Amino acid sequence: MAQEKPFEEMPPIRPGERVLRKKREPRRRLRLAPSVPGIVRLLRVIVTQTPFVPMLSVFIVLWLLFAMGIYFAEHEANEHVPSYGQAVWWCLAGIQTMGTPYKPITLSGQTIGAIWAFVGTMTFWGTLIASVTSYFLRPRQRPTTQIISTIQYNLEQLDELSLEELEVLKETTDGLIDVRIGKVKPS
């Protein structure tokens, strides 16, 4: 019985290169519950490789600032905004499709509310759309970015690599460095 090789040949990215990929064993079990490590990986990718966290931070800061503006403009004139907490709730409800039955009474409150309705909606939905788009465009990364990610992974697993794997890793790394030197080196 012939032993199967742990790597499979992939189409080269540039002519003359040899690209190997570690074979994965197919999953043969039916999952009834979501994979916790898979969910953790997904969340890590969303937090580290999409604009979700910075945009969410901007949204929260704007939300609290506009709520403060609504509170100062409306707390004495409007019985529905007696506290800062109510102003925060009004600002959240104002950008969602549910809206709020209470409207600002003062001119400054109406102006702040109108600006917030526009800016808050764009920021909230823009954060979600940008993050989802970034997540799904990740597989379209440049091939060199994918190769570098693979090299980084292999360097983390360096002690577990076989001689053949180490040689392929060295060849690939040397090739990338040579290409980069060619780009940086003045003609």
N, C-alpha and C. Protein backbone atom coordinates (compact mmCIF):
# COMPACT_ATOMS: atom_id res chain seq x y z
N MET A 1 0.84 -1.17 0.00
CA MET A 1 0.00 0.00 0.00
C MET A 1 0.89 1.24 0.00
N ALA A 2 0.72 2.08 -0.99
CA ALA A 2 1.54 3.28 -1.12
C ALA A 2 1.09 4.34 -0.12
N GLN A 3 2.09 4.96 0.50
CA GLN A 3 1.77 6.00 1.47
C GLN A 3 1.50 7.31 0.72
N GLU A 4 0.42 7.98 1.11
CA GLU A 4 0.03 9.21 0.44
C GLU A 4 0.90 10.36 0.95
N LYS A 5 1.33 11.24 0.03
CA LYS A 5 2.16 12.37 0.40
C LYS A 5 1.32 13.40 1.14
N PRO A 6 1.95 14.09 2.14
CA PRO A 6 1.18 15.05 2.91
C PRO A 6 0.91 16.37 2.17
N PHE A 7 1.55 16.56 1.00
CA PHE A 7 1.38 17.80 0.26
C PHE A 7 0.87 17.52 -1.13
N GLU A 8 0.17 18.49 -1.70
CA GLU A 8 -0.29 18.38 -3.07
C GLU A 8 0.24 19.59 -3.85
N GLU A 9 0.55 19.37 -5.10
CA GLU A 9 1.08 20.43 -5.96
C GLU A 9 -0.06 21.38 -6.34
N MET A 10 0.24 22.67 -6.31
CA MET A 10 -0.71 23.71 -6.68
C MET A 10 -0.19 24.42 -7.92
N PRO A 11 -1.08 25.07 -8.67
CA PRO A 11 -0.59 25.83 -9.82
C PRO A 11 0.35 26.94 -9.34
N PRO A 12 1.47 27.15 -10.02
CA PRO A 12 2.41 28.18 -9.57
C PRO A 12 1.85 29.58 -9.78
N ILE A 13 2.28 30.48 -8.92
CA ILE A 13 1.85 31.86 -9.03
C ILE A 13 2.67 32.58 -10.09
N ARG A 14 3.95 32.30 -10.10
CA ARG A 14 4.83 32.84 -11.14
C ARG A 14 5.51 31.66 -11.83
N PRO A 15 5.82 31.79 -13.10
CA PRO A 15 6.46 30.68 -13.82
C PRO A 15 7.74 30.24 -13.13
N GLY A 16 7.93 28.95 -13.06
CA GLY A 16 9.14 28.38 -12.48
C GLY A 16 9.07 28.14 -10.99
N GLU A 17 8.02 28.56 -10.32
CA GLU A 17 7.90 28.33 -8.88
C GLU A 17 7.20 27.01 -8.63
N ARG A 18 7.46 26.47 -7.47
CA ARG A 18 6.80 25.24 -7.05
C ARG A 18 6.00 25.58 -5.80
N VAL A 19 4.70 25.34 -5.85
CA VAL A 19 3.82 25.66 -4.74
C VAL A 19 3.18 24.38 -4.24
N LEU A 20 3.35 24.13 -2.95
CA LEU A 20 2.76 22.95 -2.34
C LEU A 20 1.75 23.40 -1.29
N ARG A 21 0.71 22.60 -1.15
CA ARG A 21 -0.30 22.87 -0.14
C ARG A 21 -0.47 21.59 0.68
N LYS A 22 -0.56 21.78 1.98
CA LYS A 22 -0.76 20.64 2.86
C LYS A 22 -2.16 20.10 2.65
N LYS A 23 -2.26 18.81 2.45
CA LYS A 23 -3.57 18.20 2.24
C LYS A 23 -4.33 18.16 3.56
N ARG A 24 -5.60 18.42 3.46
CA ARG A 24 -6.47 18.34 4.63
C ARG A 24 -7.35 17.12 4.50
N GLU A 25 -7.57 16.50 5.62
CA GLU A 25 -8.48 15.37 5.59
C GLU A 25 -9.90 15.90 5.56
N PRO A 26 -10.76 15.29 4.76
CA PRO A 26 -12.14 15.79 4.68
C PRO A 26 -12.87 15.57 6.00
N ARG A 27 -13.73 16.51 6.31
CA ARG A 27 -14.54 16.38 7.52
C ARG A 27 -15.68 15.43 7.20
N ARG A 28 -15.87 14.47 8.06
CA ARG A 28 -16.87 13.45 7.79
C ARG A 28 -17.95 13.38 8.86
N ARG A 29 -18.03 14.39 9.68
CA ARG A 29 -19.03 14.32 10.73
C ARG A 29 -20.01 15.47 10.55
N LEU A 30 -21.20 15.22 10.96
CA LEU A 30 -22.26 16.21 10.88
C LEU A 30 -22.28 16.99 12.19
N ARG A 31 -22.21 18.28 12.08
CA ARG A 31 -22.23 19.11 13.28
C ARG A 31 -23.64 19.58 13.56
N LEU A 32 -24.07 19.34 14.77
CA LEU A 32 -25.38 19.81 15.18
C LEU A 32 -25.29 21.16 15.87
N ALA A 33 -24.12 21.48 16.41
CA ALA A 33 -23.91 22.76 17.07
C ALA A 33 -22.79 23.48 16.33
N PRO A 34 -22.78 24.80 16.39
CA PRO A 34 -21.71 25.53 15.70
C PRO A 34 -20.35 25.23 16.31
N SER A 35 -19.35 25.30 15.48
CA SER A 35 -17.99 25.06 15.93
C SER A 35 -17.50 26.27 16.71
N VAL A 36 -17.22 26.09 17.99
CA VAL A 36 -16.77 27.21 18.81
C VAL A 36 -15.43 27.74 18.30
N PRO A 37 -14.44 26.89 18.01
CA PRO A 37 -13.19 27.44 17.46
C PRO A 37 -13.43 28.17 16.13
N GLY A 38 -14.37 27.70 15.33
CA GLY A 38 -14.68 28.37 14.08
C GLY A 38 -15.27 29.75 14.31
N ILE A 39 -16.15 29.86 15.29
CA ILE A 39 -16.75 31.15 15.62
C ILE A 39 -15.70 32.10 16.18
N VAL A 40 -14.81 31.58 17.03
CA VAL A 40 -13.74 32.39 17.58
C VAL A 40 -12.82 32.89 16.46
N ARG A 41 -12.50 32.01 15.51
CA ARG A 41 -11.68 32.40 14.36
C ARG A 41 -12.37 33.49 13.55
N LEU A 42 -13.66 33.32 13.30
CA LEU A 42 -14.44 34.32 12.55
C LEU A 42 -14.40 35.67 13.26
N LEU A 43 -14.64 35.68 14.57
CA LEU A 43 -14.62 36.93 15.33
C LEU A 43 -13.23 37.56 15.32
N ARG A 44 -12.20 36.73 15.41
CA ARG A 44 -10.83 37.26 15.37
C ARG A 44 -10.54 37.91 14.02
N VAL A 45 -10.98 37.28 12.94
CA VAL A 45 -10.79 37.86 11.61
C VAL A 45 -11.55 39.17 11.48
N ILE A 46 -12.78 39.20 11.96
CA ILE A 46 -13.59 40.42 11.88
C ILE A 46 -12.93 41.55 12.67
N VAL A 47 -12.42 41.24 13.86
CA VAL A 47 -11.82 42.28 14.70
C VAL A 47 -10.48 42.74 14.14
N THR A 48 -9.67 41.82 13.62
CA THR A 48 -8.31 42.19 13.20
C THR A 48 -8.19 42.60 11.74
N GLN A 49 -9.07 42.11 10.86
CA GLN A 49 -8.86 42.34 9.44
C GLN A 49 -9.99 43.10 8.75
N THR A 50 -10.93 43.61 9.51
CA THR A 50 -11.99 44.43 8.93
C THR A 50 -12.05 45.75 9.71
N PRO A 51 -12.70 46.74 9.17
CA PRO A 51 -12.77 48.04 9.87
C PRO A 51 -13.84 48.10 10.97
N PHE A 52 -14.32 46.96 11.43
CA PHE A 52 -15.44 46.94 12.36
C PHE A 52 -15.15 47.67 13.67
N VAL A 53 -14.05 47.36 14.32
CA VAL A 53 -13.77 47.95 15.64
C VAL A 53 -13.52 49.46 15.56
N PRO A 54 -12.68 49.94 14.64
CA PRO A 54 -12.50 51.40 14.58
C PRO A 54 -13.80 52.14 14.22
N MET A 55 -14.56 51.59 13.28
CA MET A 55 -15.80 52.25 12.88
C MET A 55 -16.84 52.19 13.99
N LEU A 56 -16.89 51.07 14.71
CA LEU A 56 -17.82 50.97 15.83
C LEU A 56 -17.45 51.97 16.93
N SER A 57 -16.15 52.16 17.14
CA SER A 57 -15.69 53.14 18.13
C SER A 57 -16.12 54.55 17.73
N VAL A 58 -15.96 54.89 16.46
CA VAL A 58 -16.38 56.21 15.97
C VAL A 58 -17.89 56.36 16.16
N PHE A 59 -18.65 55.32 15.82
CA PHE A 59 -20.09 55.37 15.98
C PHE A 59 -20.49 55.62 17.43
N ILE A 60 -19.87 54.92 18.36
CA ILE A 60 -20.22 55.06 19.78
C ILE A 60 -19.89 56.46 20.28
N VAL A 61 -18.73 56.98 19.89
CA VAL A 61 -18.36 58.34 20.31
C VAL A 61 -19.36 59.36 19.76
N LEU A 62 -19.69 59.25 18.47
CA LEU A 62 -20.66 60.17 17.88
C LEU A 62 -22.03 60.04 18.55
N TRP A 63 -22.44 58.81 18.81
CA TRP A 63 -23.72 58.55 19.46
C TRP A 63 -23.80 59.26 20.80
N LEU A 64 -22.77 59.12 21.61
CA LEU A 64 -22.77 59.73 22.94
C LEU A 64 -22.69 61.25 22.86
N LEU A 65 -21.94 61.78 21.89
CA LEU A 65 -21.85 63.23 21.73
C LEU A 65 -23.19 63.83 21.27
N PHE A 66 -23.82 63.20 20.30
CA PHE A 66 -25.11 63.70 19.84
C PHE A 66 -26.17 63.56 20.94
N ALA A 67 -26.09 62.51 21.72
CA ALA A 67 -27.03 62.35 22.84
C ALA A 67 -26.84 63.48 23.86
N MET A 68 -25.59 63.85 24.07
CA MET A 68 -25.31 64.97 24.97
C MET A 68 -25.91 66.26 24.41
N GLY A 69 -25.75 66.47 23.11
CA GLY A 69 -26.34 67.64 22.47
C GLY A 69 -27.85 67.66 22.59
N ILE A 70 -28.49 66.52 22.35
CA ILE A 70 -29.95 66.42 22.49
C ILE A 70 -30.35 66.68 23.94
N TYR A 71 -29.60 66.13 24.87
CA TYR A 71 -29.93 66.34 26.29
C TYR A 71 -29.88 67.82 26.66
N PHE A 72 -28.78 68.49 26.30
CA PHE A 72 -28.65 69.91 26.66
C PHE A 72 -29.68 70.78 25.94
N ALA A 73 -30.06 70.40 24.72
CA ALA A 73 -31.04 71.20 23.98
C ALA A 73 -32.47 70.95 24.45
N GLU A 74 -32.75 69.74 24.94
CA GLU A 74 -34.14 69.34 25.20
C GLU A 74 -34.51 69.09 26.66
N HIS A 75 -33.56 68.93 27.56
CA HIS A 75 -33.91 68.46 28.90
C HIS A 75 -34.85 69.39 29.66
N GLU A 76 -34.83 70.68 29.41
CA GLU A 76 -35.75 71.58 30.12
C GLU A 76 -37.05 71.80 29.34
N ALA A 77 -36.98 71.66 28.01
CA ALA A 77 -38.15 71.97 27.18
C ALA A 77 -39.00 70.74 26.88
N ASN A 78 -38.42 69.57 26.91
CA ASN A 78 -39.13 68.36 26.47
C ASN A 78 -39.24 67.38 27.64
N GLU A 79 -40.43 67.02 28.01
CA GLU A 79 -40.64 66.10 29.13
C GLU A 79 -40.20 64.68 28.82
N HIS A 80 -40.00 64.36 27.55
CA HIS A 80 -39.60 63.00 27.17
C HIS A 80 -38.09 62.81 27.20
N VAL A 81 -37.34 63.86 27.46
CA VAL A 81 -35.88 63.76 27.58
C VAL A 81 -35.45 64.35 28.92
N PRO A 82 -35.85 63.70 30.05
CA PRO A 82 -35.51 64.25 31.36
C PRO A 82 -34.08 63.93 31.81
N SER A 83 -33.46 62.93 31.16
CA SER A 83 -32.12 62.53 31.60
C SER A 83 -31.24 62.24 30.39
N TYR A 84 -29.95 62.15 30.68
CA TYR A 84 -28.99 61.81 29.61
C TYR A 84 -29.26 60.40 29.07
N GLY A 85 -29.67 59.50 29.93
CA GLY A 85 -30.00 58.14 29.50
C GLY A 85 -31.13 58.13 28.48
N GLN A 86 -32.16 58.96 28.70
CA GLN A 86 -33.25 59.07 27.74
C GLN A 86 -32.77 59.66 26.42
N ALA A 87 -31.83 60.60 26.48
CA ALA A 87 -31.27 61.18 25.26
C ALA A 87 -30.47 60.12 24.49
N VAL A 88 -29.74 59.27 25.21
CA VAL A 88 -29.00 58.19 24.56
C VAL A 88 -29.99 57.24 23.88
N TRP A 89 -31.07 56.91 24.57
CA TRP A 89 -32.09 56.04 23.99
C TRP A 89 -32.73 56.69 22.76
N TRP A 90 -33.04 57.98 22.86
CA TRP A 90 -33.64 58.68 21.73
C TRP A 90 -32.71 58.64 20.52
N CYS A 91 -31.42 58.86 20.74
CA CYS A 91 -30.46 58.85 19.62
C CYS A 91 -30.35 57.46 19.00
N LEU A 92 -30.41 56.41 19.80
CA LEU A 92 -30.36 55.06 19.25
C LEU A 92 -31.63 54.76 18.48
N ALA A 93 -32.77 55.09 19.05
CA ALA A 93 -34.05 54.83 18.38
C ALA A 93 -34.20 55.69 17.14
N GLY A 94 -33.61 56.86 17.14
CA GLY A 94 -33.73 57.77 16.01
C GLY A 94 -33.06 57.28 14.74
N ILE A 95 -32.03 56.43 14.86
CA ILE A 95 -31.35 55.95 13.65
C ILE A 95 -31.84 54.59 13.19
N GLN A 96 -32.62 53.93 14.03
CA GLN A 96 -33.14 52.63 13.66
C GLN A 96 -34.46 52.78 12.93
N THR A 97 -34.90 51.76 12.27
CA THR A 97 -36.15 51.83 11.52
C THR A 97 -37.36 51.98 12.45
N MET A 98 -37.19 51.63 13.74
CA MET A 98 -38.32 51.76 14.65
C MET A 98 -38.60 53.22 14.98
N GLY A 99 -37.58 54.08 14.89
CA GLY A 99 -37.78 55.50 15.17
C GLY A 99 -38.19 55.73 16.60
N THR A 100 -38.70 56.89 16.88
CA THR A 100 -39.17 57.23 18.21
C THR A 100 -40.41 58.10 18.08
N PRO A 101 -41.40 57.91 18.94
CA PRO A 101 -42.61 58.73 18.83
C PRO A 101 -42.40 60.16 19.33
N TYR A 102 -41.30 60.39 20.05
CA TYR A 102 -41.06 61.71 20.61
C TYR A 102 -40.12 62.48 19.71
N LYS A 103 -40.48 63.69 19.40
CA LYS A 103 -39.61 64.50 18.55
C LYS A 103 -39.08 65.67 19.36
N PRO A 104 -37.92 66.17 18.96
CA PRO A 104 -37.37 67.34 19.67
C PRO A 104 -38.30 68.55 19.49
N ILE A 105 -38.36 69.38 20.52
CA ILE A 105 -39.24 70.55 20.50
C ILE A 105 -38.47 71.81 20.10
N THR A 106 -37.26 71.97 20.63
CA THR A 106 -36.49 73.18 20.36
C THR A 106 -35.87 73.12 18.98
N LEU A 107 -35.56 74.29 18.44
CA LEU A 107 -34.92 74.36 17.12
C LEU A 107 -33.54 73.71 17.14
N SER A 108 -32.78 73.96 18.20
CA SER A 108 -31.45 73.34 18.29
C SER A 108 -31.58 71.82 18.43
N GLY A 109 -32.57 71.35 19.18
CA GLY A 109 -32.80 69.90 19.31
C GLY A 109 -33.20 69.28 17.99
N GLN A 110 -34.06 69.98 17.22
CA GLN A 110 -34.46 69.47 15.91
C GLN A 110 -33.27 69.42 14.95
N THR A 111 -32.42 70.44 15.00
CA THR A 111 -31.24 70.47 14.13
C THR A 111 -30.28 69.34 14.49
N ILE A 112 -29.98 69.19 15.77
CA ILE A 112 -29.08 68.11 16.22
C ILE A 112 -29.69 66.75 15.87
N GLY A 113 -30.99 66.60 16.10
CA GLY A 113 -31.65 65.33 15.79
C GLY A 113 -31.62 65.00 14.30
N ALA A 114 -31.81 66.02 13.47
CA ALA A 114 -31.78 65.78 12.02
C ALA A 114 -30.38 65.39 11.56
N ILE A 115 -29.38 66.10 12.07
CA ILE A 115 -27.99 65.76 11.69
C ILE A 115 -27.66 64.36 12.18
N TRP A 116 -28.05 64.05 13.42
CA TRP A 116 -27.77 62.71 13.95
C TRP A 116 -28.47 61.62 13.17
N ALA A 117 -29.72 61.86 12.78
CA ALA A 117 -30.45 60.84 12.01
C ALA A 117 -29.69 60.50 10.73
N PHE A 118 -29.13 61.50 10.09
CA PHE A 118 -28.39 61.29 8.85
C PHE A 118 -27.02 60.65 9.12
N VAL A 119 -26.23 61.29 9.98
CA VAL A 119 -24.86 60.81 10.27
C VAL A 119 -24.89 59.45 10.98
N GLY A 120 -25.78 59.31 11.94
CA GLY A 120 -25.85 58.05 12.69
C GLY A 120 -26.23 56.87 11.81
N THR A 121 -27.21 57.08 10.93
CA THR A 121 -27.63 56.00 10.05
C THR A 121 -26.50 55.61 9.10
N MET A 122 -25.84 56.61 8.54
CA MET A 122 -24.72 56.31 7.64
C MET A 122 -23.59 55.59 8.37
N THR A 123 -23.27 56.04 9.57
CA THR A 123 -22.17 55.43 10.33
C THR A 123 -22.53 54.01 10.76
N PHE A 124 -23.73 53.82 11.28
CA PHE A 124 -24.14 52.50 11.75
C PHE A 124 -24.16 51.49 10.62
N TRP A 125 -24.92 51.78 9.57
CA TRP A 125 -25.02 50.83 8.46
C TRP A 125 -23.73 50.76 7.67
N GLY A 126 -23.01 51.87 7.58
CA GLY A 126 -21.71 51.85 6.90
C GLY A 126 -20.72 50.93 7.59
N THR A 127 -20.75 50.92 8.93
CA THR A 127 -19.88 50.03 9.69
C THR A 127 -20.19 48.57 9.36
N LEU A 128 -21.46 48.24 9.37
CA LEU A 128 -21.84 46.85 9.09
C LEU A 128 -21.50 46.46 7.65
N ILE A 129 -21.85 47.31 6.70
CA ILE A 129 -21.61 46.99 5.29
C ILE A 129 -20.12 46.91 4.99
N ALA A 130 -19.34 47.85 5.51
CA ALA A 130 -17.89 47.84 5.26
C ALA A 130 -17.24 46.59 5.86
N SER A 131 -17.67 46.20 7.04
CA SER A 131 -17.09 45.02 7.68
C SER A 131 -17.44 43.74 6.93
N VAL A 132 -18.68 43.59 6.53
CA VAL A 132 -19.10 42.40 5.78
C VAL A 132 -18.38 42.35 4.43
N THR A 133 -18.30 43.49 3.75
CA THR A 133 -17.62 43.55 2.46
C THR A 133 -16.15 43.19 2.62
N SER A 134 -15.48 43.76 3.61
CA SER A 134 -14.07 43.45 3.84
C SER A 134 -13.87 41.97 4.14
N TYR A 135 -14.77 41.41 4.92
CA TYR A 135 -14.64 39.99 5.27
C TYR A 135 -14.74 39.11 4.03
N PHE A 136 -15.72 39.39 3.17
CA PHE A 136 -15.90 38.53 2.01
C PHE A 136 -14.92 38.82 0.89
N LEU A 137 -14.24 39.94 0.90
CA LEU A 137 -13.22 40.22 -0.11
C LEU A 137 -11.85 39.69 0.29
N ARG A 138 -11.69 39.23 1.52
CA ARG A 138 -10.42 38.68 1.98
C ARG A 138 -9.86 37.59 1.07
N PRO A 139 -10.69 36.65 0.57
CA PRO A 139 -10.11 35.62 -0.29
C PRO A 139 -9.53 36.16 -1.60
N ARG A 140 -9.88 37.38 -1.95
CA ARG A 140 -9.36 37.96 -3.19
C ARG A 140 -8.06 38.71 -2.95
N GLN A 141 -7.40 38.47 -1.83
CA GLN A 141 -6.13 39.12 -1.55
C GLN A 141 -5.12 38.74 -2.63
N ARG A 142 -4.13 39.58 -2.75
CA ARG A 142 -3.08 39.27 -3.72
C ARG A 142 -2.44 37.94 -3.36
N PRO A 143 -2.04 37.17 -4.36
CA PRO A 143 -1.41 35.88 -4.06
C PRO A 143 -0.18 36.00 -3.17
N THR A 144 0.61 37.06 -3.33
CA THR A 144 1.79 37.19 -2.47
C THR A 144 1.39 37.37 -1.01
N THR A 145 0.28 38.04 -0.75
CA THR A 145 -0.19 38.19 0.62
C THR A 145 -0.57 36.84 1.20
N GLN A 146 -1.21 36.01 0.38
CA GLN A 146 -1.57 34.66 0.84
C GLN A 146 -0.32 33.83 1.08
N ILE A 147 0.68 33.96 0.21
CA ILE A 147 1.93 33.21 0.39
C ILE A 147 2.62 33.66 1.67
N ILE A 148 2.65 34.96 1.91
CA ILE A 148 3.30 35.47 3.12
C ILE A 148 2.57 34.97 4.36
N SER A 149 1.26 34.92 4.32
CA SER A 149 0.49 34.38 5.45
C SER A 149 0.83 32.91 5.68
N THR A 150 0.97 32.16 4.59
CA THR A 150 1.33 30.75 4.70
C THR A 150 2.74 30.59 5.27
N ILE A 151 3.66 31.44 4.83
CA ILE A 151 5.03 31.39 5.36
C ILE A 151 5.03 31.71 6.85
N GLN A 152 4.27 32.73 7.25
CA GLN A 152 4.19 33.07 8.68
C GLN A 152 3.65 31.89 9.49
N TYR A 153 2.63 31.24 8.97
CA TYR A 153 2.08 30.08 9.67
C TYR A 153 3.14 28.98 9.79
N ASN A 154 3.84 28.72 8.68
CA ASN A 154 4.86 27.67 8.71
C ASN A 154 6.01 28.02 9.65
N LEU A 155 6.35 29.30 9.74
CA LEU A 155 7.41 29.70 10.67
C LEU A 155 6.97 29.48 12.11
N GLU A 156 5.68 29.66 12.39
CA GLU A 156 5.18 29.38 13.73
C GLU A 156 5.24 27.88 14.04
N GLN A 157 5.10 27.05 13.01
CA GLN A 157 5.09 25.60 13.17
C GLN A 157 6.45 25.00 12.80
N LEU A 158 7.52 25.77 12.84
CA LEU A 158 8.83 25.38 12.33
C LEU A 158 9.34 24.06 12.91
N ASP A 159 9.12 23.84 14.18
CA ASP A 159 9.63 22.61 14.82
C ASP A 159 8.93 21.36 14.32
N GLU A 160 7.74 21.50 13.77
CA GLU A 160 6.97 20.34 13.34
C GLU A 160 7.12 20.03 11.85
N LEU A 161 7.87 20.84 11.10
CA LEU A 161 8.00 20.65 9.66
C LEU A 161 9.02 19.58 9.33
N SER A 162 8.75 18.84 8.26
CA SER A 162 9.69 17.83 7.78
C SER A 162 10.78 18.50 6.96
N LEU A 163 11.78 17.73 6.58
CA LEU A 163 12.89 18.26 5.77
C LEU A 163 12.37 18.80 4.44
N GLU A 164 11.48 18.07 3.79
CA GLU A 164 10.92 18.52 2.51
C GLU A 164 10.15 19.83 2.68
N GLU A 165 9.37 19.91 3.73
CA GLU A 165 8.61 21.13 3.99
C GLU A 165 9.53 22.32 4.27
N LEU A 166 10.61 22.07 5.02
CA LEU A 166 11.56 23.14 5.31
C LEU A 166 12.24 23.62 4.03
N GLU A 167 12.58 22.69 3.12
CA GLU A 167 13.22 23.08 1.87
C GLU A 167 12.28 23.93 1.00
N VAL A 168 11.01 23.52 0.93
CA VAL A 168 10.03 24.29 0.16
C VAL A 168 9.84 25.67 0.79
N LEU A 169 9.78 25.73 2.11
CA LEU A 169 9.65 27.01 2.81
C LEU A 169 10.84 27.92 2.51
N LYS A 170 12.03 27.35 2.52
CA LYS A 170 13.24 28.13 2.23
C LYS A 170 13.23 28.64 0.79
N GLU A 171 12.89 27.78 -0.16
CA GLU A 171 12.84 28.19 -1.57
C GLU A 171 11.82 29.31 -1.79
N THR A 172 10.66 29.15 -1.21
CA THR A 172 9.60 30.15 -1.38
C THR A 172 10.02 31.48 -0.76
N THR A 173 10.57 31.43 0.44
CA THR A 173 11.01 32.65 1.11
C THR A 173 12.12 33.33 0.33
N ASP A 174 13.10 32.55 -0.12
CA ASP A 174 14.19 33.11 -0.93
C ASP A 174 13.66 33.76 -2.20
N GLY A 175 12.69 33.12 -2.85
CA GLY A 175 12.10 33.68 -4.07
C GLY A 175 11.41 35.01 -3.81
N LEU A 176 10.64 35.08 -2.73
CA LEU A 176 9.96 36.34 -2.39
C LEU A 176 10.95 37.45 -2.08
N ILE A 177 12.00 37.10 -1.35
CA ILE A 177 13.01 38.10 -1.00
C ILE A 177 13.73 38.58 -2.27
N ASP A 178 14.06 37.67 -3.17
CA ASP A 178 14.71 38.06 -4.43
C ASP A 178 13.83 39.00 -5.24
N VAL A 179 12.53 38.71 -5.32
CA VAL A 179 11.60 39.57 -6.05
C VAL A 179 11.56 40.95 -5.40
N ARG A 180 11.49 40.99 -4.08
CA ARG A 180 11.42 42.28 -3.38
C ARG A 180 12.72 43.07 -3.57
N ILE A 181 13.85 42.40 -3.53
CA ILE A 181 15.14 43.07 -3.76
C ILE A 181 15.16 43.67 -5.16
N GLY A 182 14.65 42.92 -6.13
CA GLY A 182 14.59 43.42 -7.51
C GLY A 182 13.72 44.67 -7.63
N LYS A 183 12.66 44.76 -6.85
CA LYS A 183 11.78 45.93 -6.90
C LYS A 183 12.40 47.13 -6.20
N VAL A 184 13.13 46.88 -5.10
CA VAL A 184 13.69 47.96 -4.30
C VAL A 184 15.02 48.46 -4.88
N LYS A 185 15.80 47.57 -5.44
CA LYS A 185 17.14 47.89 -5.94
C LYS A 185 17.04 48.93 -7.08
N PRO A 186 17.82 50.01 -6.96
CA PRO A 186 17.81 51.00 -8.05
C PRO A 186 18.42 50.41 -9.32
N SER A 187 17.87 50.79 -10.45
CA SER A 187 18.34 50.25 -11.74
C SER A 187 19.67 50.76 -12.15
